[in-house]
Amino acid sequence: MNLELVLGDLFEEVGEAHHAAFIKDDGADPEWPIWYAEYLLGKINEAMGSTLTKSELVYLIISAENERTTLAPGSVWTEFYARFMAERYS
């Protein structure tokens, strides 16, 4: 299966899980990259055949978001993050 599609599905999953976990705050969480990394670490490493640490994944998630807001602010974040990760690890 296409890595970008797998990663896109994983980002959709984590977004939904995070929103459910923070429903009382309408998904608001200033430390969301850490939460995402904890949720995704094993799944991302399996999908990419990588050995990222949680810290590395937090960095990549923050980097993807910073690049998205700068270069493609209207883009679908899940697709942007998936492409960002796939371009670096495929």
PDB file of N, CA and C in Angstrom:
ATOM      1  N   MET A   1       0.838  -1.189   0.000  1.00  0.00           N
ATOM      2  CA  MET A   1       0.000   0.000   0.000  1.00  0.00           C
ATOM      3  C   MET A   1       0.879   1.248   0.000  1.00  0.00           C
ATOM      4  N   ASN A   2       0.370   2.305  -0.554  1.00  0.00           N
ATOM      5  CA  ASN A   2       1.061   3.571  -0.671  1.00  0.00           C
ATOM      6  C   ASN A   2       1.301   4.177   0.721  1.00  0.00           C
ATOM      7  N   LEU A   3       2.559   4.502   1.026  1.00  0.00           N
ATOM      8  CA  LEU A   3       2.912   5.039   2.340  1.00  0.00           C
ATOM      9  C   LEU A   3       2.145   6.322   2.656  1.00  0.00           C
ATOM     10  N   GLU A   4       1.989   7.179   1.677  1.00  0.00           N
ATOM     11  CA  GLU A   4       1.295   8.441   1.920  1.00  0.00           C
ATOM     12  C   GLU A   4      -0.167   8.200   2.328  1.00  0.00           C
ATOM     13  N   LEU A   5      -0.810   7.216   1.714  1.00  0.00           N
ATOM     14  CA  LEU A   5      -2.193   6.888   2.080  1.00  0.00           C
ATOM     15  C   LEU A   5      -2.275   6.306   3.480  1.00  0.00           C
ATOM     16  N   VAL A   6      -1.337   5.432   3.816  1.00  0.00           N
ATOM     17  CA  VAL A   6      -1.304   4.836   5.158  1.00  0.00           C
ATOM     18  C   VAL A   6      -1.101   5.924   6.204  1.00  0.00           C
ATOM     19  N   LEU A   7      -0.160   6.806   5.959  1.00  0.00           N
ATOM     20  CA  LEU A   7       0.107   7.892   6.897  1.00  0.00           C
ATOM     21  C   LEU A   7      -1.085   8.827   7.005  1.00  0.00           C
ATOM     22  N   GLY A   8      -1.738   9.116   5.894  1.00  0.00           N
ATOM     23  CA  GLY A   8      -2.928   9.955   5.924  1.00  0.00           C
ATOM     24  C   GLY A   8      -4.010   9.356   6.800  1.00  0.00           C
ATOM     25  N   ASP A   9      -4.199   8.032   6.681  1.00  0.00           N
ATOM     26  CA  ASP A   9      -5.174   7.338   7.527  1.00  0.00           C
ATOM     27  C   ASP A   9      -4.790   7.427   8.998  1.00  0.00           C
ATOM     28  N   LEU A  10      -3.500   7.296   9.285  1.00  0.00           N
ATOM     29  CA  LEU A  10      -3.040   7.385  10.679  1.00  0.00           C
ATOM     30  C   LEU A  10      -3.257   8.789  11.244  1.00  0.00           C
ATOM     31  N   PHE A  11      -3.017   9.799  10.435  1.00  0.00           N
ATOM     32  CA  PHE A  11      -3.242  11.166  10.916  1.00  0.00           C
ATOM     33  C   PHE A  11      -4.730  11.445  11.107  1.00  0.00           C
ATOM     34  N   GLU A  12      -5.564  10.894  10.245  1.00  0.00           N
ATOM     35  CA  GLU A  12      -7.021  11.014  10.450  1.00  0.00           C
ATOM     36  C   GLU A  12      -7.408  10.368  11.778  1.00  0.00           C
ATOM     37  N   GLU A  13      -6.872   9.167  12.012  1.00  0.00           N
ATOM     38  CA  GLU A  13      -7.176   8.418  13.241  1.00  0.00           C
ATOM     39  C   GLU A  13      -6.758   9.187  14.484  1.00  0.00           C
ATOM     40  N   VAL A  14      -5.551   9.720  14.480  1.00  0.00           N
ATOM     41  CA  VAL A  14      -5.071  10.429  15.667  1.00  0.00           C
ATOM     42  C   VAL A  14      -5.847  11.718  15.882  1.00  0.00           C
ATOM     43  N   GLY A  15      -6.210  12.384  14.800  1.00  0.00           N
ATOM     44  CA  GLY A  15      -7.000  13.605  14.944  1.00  0.00           C
ATOM     45  C   GLY A  15      -8.346  13.338  15.598  1.00  0.00           C
ATOM     46  N   GLU A  16      -8.986  12.266  15.165  1.00  0.00           N
ATOM     47  CA  GLU A  16     -10.275  11.883  15.752  1.00  0.00           C
ATOM     48  C   GLU A  16     -10.115  11.454  17.208  1.00  0.00           C
ATOM     49  N   ALA A  17      -9.082  10.669  17.488  1.00  0.00           N
ATOM     50  CA  ALA A  17      -8.847  10.196  18.861  1.00  0.00           C
ATOM     51  C   ALA A  17      -8.543  11.365  19.793  1.00  0.00           C
ATOM     52  N   HIS A  18      -7.740  12.310  19.314  1.00  0.00           N
ATOM     53  CA  HIS A  18      -7.389  13.465  20.127  1.00  0.00           C
ATOM     54  C   HIS A  18      -8.620  14.313  20.410  1.00  0.00           C
ATOM     55  N   HIS A  19      -9.427  14.537  19.387  1.00  0.00           N
ATOM     56  CA  HIS A  19     -10.626  15.338  19.593  1.00  0.00           C
ATOM     57  C   HIS A  19     -11.559  14.667  20.605  1.00  0.00           C
ATOM     58  N   ALA A  20     -11.686  13.342  20.506  1.00  0.00           N
ATOM     59  CA  ALA A  20     -12.532  12.608  21.458  1.00  0.00           C
ATOM     60  C   ALA A  20     -11.972  12.711  22.873  1.00  0.00           C
ATOM     61  N   ALA A  21     -10.658  12.637  23.006  1.00  0.00           N
ATOM     62  CA  ALA A  21     -10.030  12.698  24.328  1.00  0.00           C
ATOM     63  C   ALA A  21     -10.171  14.087  24.954  1.00  0.00           C
ATOM     64  N   PHE A  22     -10.273  15.107  24.110  1.00  0.00           N
ATOM     65  CA  PHE A  22     -10.359  16.482  24.601  1.00  0.00           C
ATOM     66  C   PHE A  22     -11.695  17.116  24.238  1.00  0.00           C
ATOM     67  N   ILE A  23     -12.742  16.297  24.179  1.00  0.00           N
ATOM     68  CA  ILE A  23     -14.065  16.767  23.758  1.00  0.00           C
ATOM     69  C   ILE A  23     -14.585  17.899  24.643  1.00  0.00           C
ATOM     70  N   LYS A  24     -14.342  17.814  25.925  1.00  0.00           N
ATOM     71  CA  LYS A  24     -14.852  18.861  26.823  1.00  0.00           C
ATOM     72  C   LYS A  24     -14.202  20.210  26.543  1.00  0.00           C
ATOM     73  N   ASP A  25     -13.019  20.188  25.921  1.00  0.00           N
ATOM     74  CA  ASP A  25     -12.308  21.422  25.564  1.00  0.00           C
ATOM     75  C   ASP A  25     -12.405  21.701  24.065  1.00  0.00           C
ATOM     76  N   ASP A  26     -13.322  20.989  23.379  1.00  0.00           N
ATOM     77  CA  ASP A  26     -13.486  21.106  21.925  1.00  0.00           C
ATOM     78  C   ASP A  26     -12.170  20.827  21.195  1.00  0.00           C
ATOM     79  N   GLY A  27     -11.402  19.873  21.707  1.00  0.00           N
ATOM     80  CA  GLY A  27     -10.150  19.475  21.072  1.00  0.00           C
ATOM     81  C   GLY A  27      -8.965  20.360  21.397  1.00  0.00           C
ATOM     82  N   ALA A  28      -9.157  21.393  22.178  1.00  0.00           N
ATOM     83  CA  ALA A  28      -8.061  22.316  22.491  1.00  0.00           C
ATOM     84  C   ALA A  28      -7.039  21.656  23.411  1.00  0.00           C
ATOM     85  N   ASP A  29      -5.791  21.702  23.009  1.00  0.00           N
ATOM     86  CA  ASP A  29      -4.698  21.118  23.784  1.00  0.00           C
ATOM     87  C   ASP A  29      -3.394  21.751  23.316  1.00  0.00           C
ATOM     88  N   PRO A  30      -2.805  22.639  24.107  1.00  0.00           N
ATOM     89  CA  PRO A  30      -1.569  23.297  23.676  1.00  0.00           C
ATOM     90  C   PRO A  30      -0.394  22.328  23.490  1.00  0.00           C
ATOM     91  N   GLU A  31      -0.481  21.151  24.072  1.00  0.00           N
ATOM     92  CA  GLU A  31       0.596  20.162  23.950  1.00  0.00           C
ATOM     93  C   GLU A  31       0.229  19.037  22.980  1.00  0.00           C
ATOM     94  N   TRP A  32      -0.639  19.348  22.024  1.00  0.00           N
ATOM     95  CA  TRP A  32      -1.132  18.320  21.112  1.00  0.00           C
ATOM     96  C   TRP A  32      -0.037  17.557  20.369  1.00  0.00           C
ATOM     97  N   PRO A  33       1.089  18.170  19.966  1.00  0.00           N
ATOM     98  CA  PRO A  33       2.098  17.373  19.261  1.00  0.00           C
ATOM     99  C   PRO A  33       2.646  16.217  20.105  1.00  0.00           C
ATOM    100  N   ILE A  34       2.743  16.428  21.410  1.00  0.00           N
ATOM    101  CA  ILE A  34       3.214  15.356  22.300  1.00  0.00           C
ATOM    102  C   ILE A  34       2.178  14.250  22.361  1.00  0.00           C
ATOM    103  N   TRP A  35       0.912  14.615  22.490  1.00  0.00           N
ATOM    104  CA  TRP A  35      -0.168  13.633  22.544  1.00  0.00           C
ATOM    105  C   TRP A  35      -0.194  12.834  21.246  1.00  0.00           C
ATOM    106  N   TYR A  36      -0.106  13.537  20.122  1.00  0.00           N
ATOM    107  CA  TYR A  36      -0.102  12.857  18.824  1.00  0.00           C
ATOM    108  C   TYR A  36       1.069  11.881  18.723  1.00  0.00           C
ATOM    109  N   ALA A  37       2.250  12.313  19.115  1.00  0.00           N
ATOM    110  CA  ALA A  37       3.436  11.461  19.014  1.00  0.00           C
ATOM    111  C   ALA A  37       3.300  10.216  19.877  1.00  0.00           C
ATOM    112  N   GLU A  38       2.781  10.373  21.080  1.00  0.00           N
ATOM    113  CA  GLU A  38       2.589   9.206  21.947  1.00  0.00           C
ATOM    114  C   GLU A  38       1.612   8.222  21.323  1.00  0.00           C
ATOM    115  N   TYR A  39       0.558   8.716  20.733  1.00  0.00           N
ATOM    116  CA  TYR A  39      -0.459   7.876  20.118  1.00  0.00           C
ATOM    117  C   TYR A  39       0.083   7.184  18.864  1.00  0.00           C
ATOM    118  N   LEU A  40       0.853   7.905  18.077  1.00  0.00           N
ATOM    119  CA  LEU A  40       1.276   7.424  16.759  1.00  0.00           C
ATOM    120  C   LEU A  40       2.599   6.682  16.695  1.00  0.00           C
ATOM    121  N   LEU A  41       3.427   6.802  17.693  1.00  0.00           N
ATOM    122  CA  LEU A  41       4.820   6.358  17.579  1.00  0.00           C
ATOM    123  C   LEU A  41       4.974   4.955  17.011  1.00  0.00           C
ATOM    124  N   GLY A  42       4.363   3.963  17.628  1.00  0.00           N
ATOM    125  CA  GLY A  42       4.502   2.590  17.144  1.00  0.00           C
ATOM    126  C   GLY A  42       3.924   2.405  15.756  1.00  0.00           C
ATOM    127  N   LYS A  43       2.795   3.030  15.491  1.00  0.00           N
ATOM    128  CA  LYS A  43       2.121   2.892  14.201  1.00  0.00           C
ATOM    129  C   LYS A  43       2.929   3.540  13.080  1.00  0.00           C
ATOM    130  N   ILE A  44       3.483   4.716  13.352  1.00  0.00           N
ATOM    131  CA  ILE A  44       4.317   5.408  12.354  1.00  0.00           C
ATOM    132  C   ILE A  44       5.580   4.609  12.079  1.00  0.00           C
ATOM    133  N   ASN A  45       6.242   4.134  13.141  1.00  0.00           N
ATOM    134  CA  ASN A  45       7.456   3.357  12.944  1.00  0.00           C
ATOM    135  C   ASN A  45       7.174   2.093  12.145  1.00  0.00           C
ATOM    136  N   GLU A  46       6.061   1.445  12.415  1.00  0.00           N
ATOM    137  CA  GLU A  46       5.707   0.234  11.664  1.00  0.00           C
ATOM    138  C   GLU A  46       5.433   0.569  10.197  1.00  0.00           C
ATOM    139  N   ALA A  47       4.673   1.610   9.964  1.00  0.00           N
ATOM    140  CA  ALA A  47       4.316   1.986   8.594  1.00  0.00           C
ATOM    141  C   ALA A  47       5.540   2.397   7.776  1.00  0.00           C
ATOM    142  N   MET A  48       6.462   3.108   8.397  1.00  0.00           N
ATOM    143  CA  MET A  48       7.623   3.635   7.680  1.00  0.00           C
ATOM    144  C   MET A  48       8.849   2.742   7.797  1.00  0.00           C
ATOM    145  N   GLY A  49       8.778   1.717   8.633  1.00  0.00           N
ATOM    146  CA  GLY A  49       9.962   0.895   8.848  1.00  0.00           C
ATOM    147  C   GLY A  49      11.070   1.697   9.499  1.00  0.00           C
ATOM    148  N   SER A  50      10.686   2.604  10.386  1.00  0.00           N
ATOM    149  CA  SER A  50      11.651   3.500  11.022  1.00  0.00           C
ATOM    150  C   SER A  50      11.784   3.177  12.513  1.00  0.00           C
ATOM    151  N   THR A  51      12.681   3.877  13.148  1.00  0.00           N
ATOM    152  CA  THR A  51      12.893   3.733  14.592  1.00  0.00           C
ATOM    153  C   THR A  51      12.912   5.111  15.249  1.00  0.00           C
ATOM    154  N   LEU A  52      11.950   5.938  14.856  1.00  0.00           N
ATOM    155  CA  LEU A  52      11.869   7.278  15.433  1.00  0.00           C
ATOM    156  C   LEU A  52      11.631   7.194  16.938  1.00  0.00           C
ATOM    157  N   THR A  53      12.195   8.124  17.657  1.00  0.00           N
ATOM    158  CA  THR A  53      11.881   8.269  19.073  1.00  0.00           C
ATOM    159  C   THR A  53      10.678   9.199  19.188  1.00  0.00           C
ATOM    160  N   LYS A  54      10.076   9.250  20.362  1.00  0.00           N
ATOM    161  CA  LYS A  54       8.952  10.163  20.567  1.00  0.00           C
ATOM    162  C   LYS A  54       9.395  11.601  20.321  1.00  0.00           C
ATOM    163  N   SER A  55      10.571  11.968  20.798  1.00  0.00           N
ATOM    164  CA  SER A  55      11.074  13.333  20.597  1.00  0.00           C
ATOM    165  C   SER A  55      11.232  13.664  19.125  1.00  0.00           C
ATOM    166  N   GLU A  56      11.752  12.738  18.356  1.00  0.00           N
ATOM    167  CA  GLU A  56      11.911  12.964  16.919  1.00  0.00           C
ATOM    168  C   GLU A  56      10.551  13.133  16.242  1.00  0.00           C
ATOM    169  N   LEU A  57       9.589  12.317  16.647  1.00  0.00           N
ATOM    170  CA  LEU A  57       8.264  12.410  16.053  1.00  0.00           C
ATOM    171  C   LEU A  57       7.576  13.722  16.434  1.00  0.00           C
ATOM    172  N   VAL A  58       7.726  14.156  17.668  1.00  0.00           N
ATOM    173  CA  VAL A  58       7.187  15.460  18.073  1.00  0.00           C
ATOM    174  C   VAL A  58       7.788  16.549  17.186  1.00  0.00           C
ATOM    175  N   TYR A  59       9.089  16.512  16.992  1.00  0.00           N
ATOM    176  CA  TYR A  59       9.775  17.490  16.144  1.00  0.00           C
ATOM    177  C   TYR A  59       9.216  17.476  14.721  1.00  0.00           C
ATOM    178  N   LEU A  60       9.032  16.283  14.166  1.00  0.00           N
ATOM    179  CA  LEU A  60       8.517  16.175  12.802  1.00  0.00           C
ATOM    180  C   LEU A  60       7.084  16.689  12.691  1.00  0.00           C
ATOM    181  N   ILE A  61       6.265  16.405  13.692  1.00  0.00           N
ATOM    182  CA  ILE A  61       4.884  16.887  13.683  1.00  0.00           C
ATOM    183  C   ILE A  61       4.858  18.412  13.745  1.00  0.00           C
ATOM    184  N   ILE A  62       5.662  18.984  14.616  1.00  0.00           N
ATOM    185  CA  ILE A  62       5.734  20.449  14.716  1.00  0.00           C
ATOM    186  C   ILE A  62       6.278  21.040  13.416  1.00  0.00           C
ATOM    187  N   SER A  63       7.284  20.401  12.847  1.00  0.00           N
ATOM    188  CA  SER A  63       7.850  20.882  11.579  1.00  0.00           C
ATOM    189  C   SER A  63       6.815  20.839  10.465  1.00  0.00           C
ATOM    190  N   ALA A  64       6.050  19.756  10.404  1.00  0.00           N
ATOM    191  CA  ALA A  64       5.009  19.639   9.381  1.00  0.00           C
ATOM    192  C   ALA A  64       3.970  20.738   9.545  1.00  0.00           C
ATOM    193  N   GLU A  65       3.553  20.986  10.777  1.00  0.00           N
ATOM    194  CA  GLU A  65       2.549  22.029  11.014  1.00  0.00           C
ATOM    195  C   GLU A  65       3.091  23.410  10.684  1.00  0.00           C
ATOM    196  N   ASN A  66       4.325  23.695  11.053  1.00  0.00           N
ATOM    197  CA  ASN A  66       4.920  24.996  10.739  1.00  0.00           C
ATOM    198  C   ASN A  66       5.033  25.193   9.233  1.00  0.00           C
ATOM    199  N   GLU A  67       5.444  24.152   8.522  1.00  0.00           N
ATOM    200  CA  GLU A  67       5.567  24.243   7.069  1.00  0.00           C
ATOM    201  C   GLU A  67       4.187  24.396   6.425  1.00  0.00           C
ATOM    202  N   ARG A  68       3.205  23.663   6.923  1.00  0.00           N
ATOM    203  CA  ARG A  68       1.850  23.744   6.371  1.00  0.00           C
ATOM    204  C   ARG A  68       1.272  25.151   6.538  1.00  0.00           C
ATOM    205  N   THR A  69       1.407  25.711   7.738  1.00  0.00           N
ATOM    206  CA  THR A  69       0.831  27.037   7.968  1.00  0.00           C
ATOM    207  C   THR A  69       1.554  28.124   7.175  1.00  0.00           C
ATOM    208  N   THR A  70       2.810  27.887   6.847  1.00  0.00           N
ATOM    209  CA  THR A  70       3.577  28.857   6.060  1.00  0.00           C
ATOM    210  C   THR A  70       3.349  28.689   4.557  1.00  0.00           C
ATOM    211  N   LEU A  71       3.435  27.455   4.078  1.00  0.00           N
ATOM    212  CA  LEU A  71       3.404  27.214   2.632  1.00  0.00           C
ATOM    213  C   LEU A  71       2.036  26.858   2.070  1.00  0.00           C
ATOM    214  N   ALA A  72       1.187  26.275   2.897  1.00  0.00           N
ATOM    215  CA  ALA A  72      -0.108  25.803   2.391  1.00  0.00           C
ATOM    216  C   ALA A  72      -1.187  25.931   3.462  1.00  0.00           C
ATOM    217  N   PRO A  73      -1.458  27.148   3.920  1.00  0.00           N
ATOM    218  CA  PRO A  73      -2.366  27.325   5.046  1.00  0.00           C
ATOM    219  C   PRO A  73      -3.780  26.798   4.832  1.00  0.00           C
ATOM    220  N   GLY A  74      -4.250  26.688   3.606  1.00  0.00           N
ATOM    221  CA  GLY A  74      -5.594  26.183   3.356  1.00  0.00           C
ATOM    222  C   GLY A  74      -5.651  24.698   3.087  1.00  0.00           C
ATOM    223  N   SER A  75      -4.520  24.031   3.195  1.00  0.00           N
ATOM    224  CA  SER A  75      -4.467  22.608   2.852  1.00  0.00           C
ATOM    225  C   SER A  75      -5.107  21.736   3.922  1.00  0.00           C
ATOM    226  N   VAL A  76      -5.447  20.532   3.535  1.00  0.00           N
ATOM    227  CA  VAL A  76      -5.956  19.537   4.476  1.00  0.00           C
ATOM    228  C   VAL A  76      -4.754  19.029   5.265  1.00  0.00           C
ATOM    229  N   TRP A  77      -4.781  19.239   6.573  1.00  0.00           N
ATOM    230  CA  TRP A  77      -3.592  18.954   7.379  1.00  0.00           C
ATOM    231  C   TRP A  77      -3.184  17.490   7.303  1.00  0.00           C
ATOM    232  N   THR A  78      -4.143  16.568   7.298  1.00  0.00           N
ATOM    233  CA  THR A  78      -3.791  15.141   7.285  1.00  0.00           C
ATOM    234  C   THR A  78      -3.037  14.776   6.018  1.00  0.00           C
ATOM    235  N   GLU A  79      -3.469  15.324   4.894  1.00  0.00           N
ATOM    236  CA  GLU A  79      -2.791  15.051   3.621  1.00  0.00           C
ATOM    237  C   GLU A  79      -1.414  15.699   3.589  1.00  0.00           C
ATOM    238  N   PHE A  80      -1.326  16.918   4.105  1.00  0.00           N
ATOM    239  CA  PHE A  80      -0.040  17.616   4.121  1.00  0.00           C
ATOM    240  C   PHE A  80       0.963  16.862   4.993  1.00  0.00           C
ATOM    241  N   TYR A  81       0.546  16.480   6.204  1.00  0.00           N
ATOM    242  CA  TYR A  81       1.446  15.761   7.106  1.00  0.00           C
ATOM    243  C   TYR A  81       1.889  14.440   6.485  1.00  0.00           C
ATOM    244  N   ALA A  82       0.959  13.724   5.860  1.00  0.00           N
ATOM    245  CA  ALA A  82       1.298  12.437   5.239  1.00  0.00           C
ATOM    246  C   ALA A  82       2.336  12.625   4.144  1.00  0.00           C
ATOM    247  N   ARG A  83       2.144  13.619   3.297  1.00  0.00           N
ATOM    248  CA  ARG A  83       3.106  13.891   2.229  1.00  0.00           C
ATOM    249  C   ARG A  83       4.450  14.326   2.817  1.00  0.00           C
ATOM    250  N   PHE A  84       4.405  15.190   3.822  1.00  0.00           N
ATOM    251  CA  PHE A  84       5.616  15.663   4.501  1.00  0.00           C
ATOM    252  C   PHE A  84       6.448  14.477   5.008  1.00  0.00           C
ATOM    253  N   MET A  85       5.782  13.547   5.682  1.00  0.00           N
ATOM    254  CA  MET A  85       6.493  12.387   6.246  1.00  0.00           C
ATOM    255  C   MET A  85       6.949  11.424   5.153  1.00  0.00           C
ATOM    256  N   ALA A  86       6.091  11.150   4.188  1.00  0.00           N
ATOM    257  CA  ALA A  86       6.431  10.202   3.125  1.00  0.00           C
ATOM    258  C   ALA A  86       7.602  10.698   2.289  1.00  0.00           C
ATOM    259  N   GLU A  87       7.643  11.981   2.018  1.00  0.00           N
ATOM    260  CA  GLU A  87       8.760  12.532   1.232  1.00  0.00           C
ATOM    261  C   GLU A  87      10.094  12.373   1.942  1.00  0.00           C
ATOM    262  N   ARG A  88      10.072  12.343   3.242  1.00  0.00           N
ATOM    263  CA  ARG A  88      11.313  12.248   4.000  1.00  0.00           C
ATOM    264  C   ARG A  88      11.715  10.811   4.325  1.00  0.00           C
ATOM    265  N   TYR A  89      10.769   9.883   4.247  1.00  0.00           N
ATOM    266  CA  TYR A  89      11.058   8.515   4.688  1.00  0.00           C
ATOM    267  C   TYR A  89      10.729   7.430   3.688  1.00  0.00           C
ATOM    268  N   SER A  90      10.481   7.781   2.430  1.00  0.00           N
ATOM    269  CA  SER A  90      10.213   6.709   1.464  1.00  0.00           C
ATOM    270  C   SER A  90      11.296   6.638   0.420  1.00  0.00           C
TER     271      SER A  90
END
